[in-house]
Amino acid sequence: MRAITIAVLASTVHMITSFEAAAQVLETSTFEAEASMFYEDLGGIRFGPFPPNRLGAYATENVNVSPTAAFSQDGFIARSNASIVGGYSPSTPGFAIPFHTVRADMHGEAFIDGSNLANHSREISHGVAFIELWFSLDQETDWSFEADFAGMSTPGDFNRGSIFFQLASQDFSEYYGYFDQGSYNGVGDFSFHGSASGTLQPGSYYMVVGGGATVENTLGLGATGSASASVTNLVFTIPTPGTLPIMALLGLSATVRRRR
C-alpha cells in the first residue's frame, strides 16, 4: 500500500505542475476614474479645466483614486467627481502572470449648478469610472461576474447615469456577456444586482465594466441638473483551472493512506 500511496502522491505533484502551467494570464489592464467639465461658446471655442482630472492604474497595481473637478466662468457653474477602488487576487499579479479574481467599487457624479446658453452652444459636466482587462486562457475555463448597479438623472437636455458590462473576444467576433442600463433625463432611475457566468475556450479576451454620469445642456430645457452612476461589490472571477481535479487527487491519496 505504501507504494500505491507514493504513486498517487507522485501523480498529484505531476498534475499540480501541469495545471499551474495552464492558467489565465493578464496581458494589460486599465483602472480609471475621470472628473471633467467644459462649455463651448457660440463660436465653438471650448473653456474648462484641461486636461481632465483623470487618475488610475494602467498596469497591474491595485488602485484607490477619487478625482474631483469644479469650474465656474461666464455663468457656467459645474462640478463632478469619480472614484474607483479595486484590485486583483493575487494582488498585483504582473503581466503574463496568472490572476483569478478582480474586485472593485466605482462611482461617478456630475452636476451643473449654473447655465448660460445665451452665450454658450454646449455645456457638459462628466464623472466616469471603469475597468478594462485584456487576458488570455490556454484551456477551457469557467467565468463569473456579479455587481450591484445604481443610476439616476434629473430632467434636462441630455442628462444620464448609466452602467455597462461586456465580455468579448479581443477581436470582438464573439460576445459572452453584455448588459447595460441607463437613466435618461429623470426617467428610468435604477438599482439592481446583476450577474452573468459561462465558459470560455482557450483564446484572448477583453472585459470592460463601468459607470458614467453626464449632465449636458444644448437645448436649454434644463438650466441645472445632476446625474450619478455606481458599480459596487463587483467580483469578476476566473477560477484556477484544475483546482477540483487536484483536490480530488489529494483526497484520493489521503484515502489510500487510511486504508494502509
Foldseek 3Di string as FASTA:
>chain_A
DVVVLVVLVVVLVVLVVVLQVFAKFFAWKWWKKWWWKWFAFPVRDIDTDPPTFMDTDTWQAFDWDKDKGWDDDPFWTKIKIKIKGKHFVVGSQGGPGHTWKIFMKIKIKIKTPTADLVGTQKIKTKIKTKMKTKMWGDAKWKKKKKWKKWKFKAADDWWKKKKWKWKAAPVRPGTQDIDMAMYTRGPGTDIDMDMDMDMDGGHMMMIMIIIMTMDMDRPPRDRIMMMMMIIHRIMIGTDRPPPVVSVVSVVVSVVVVVVD
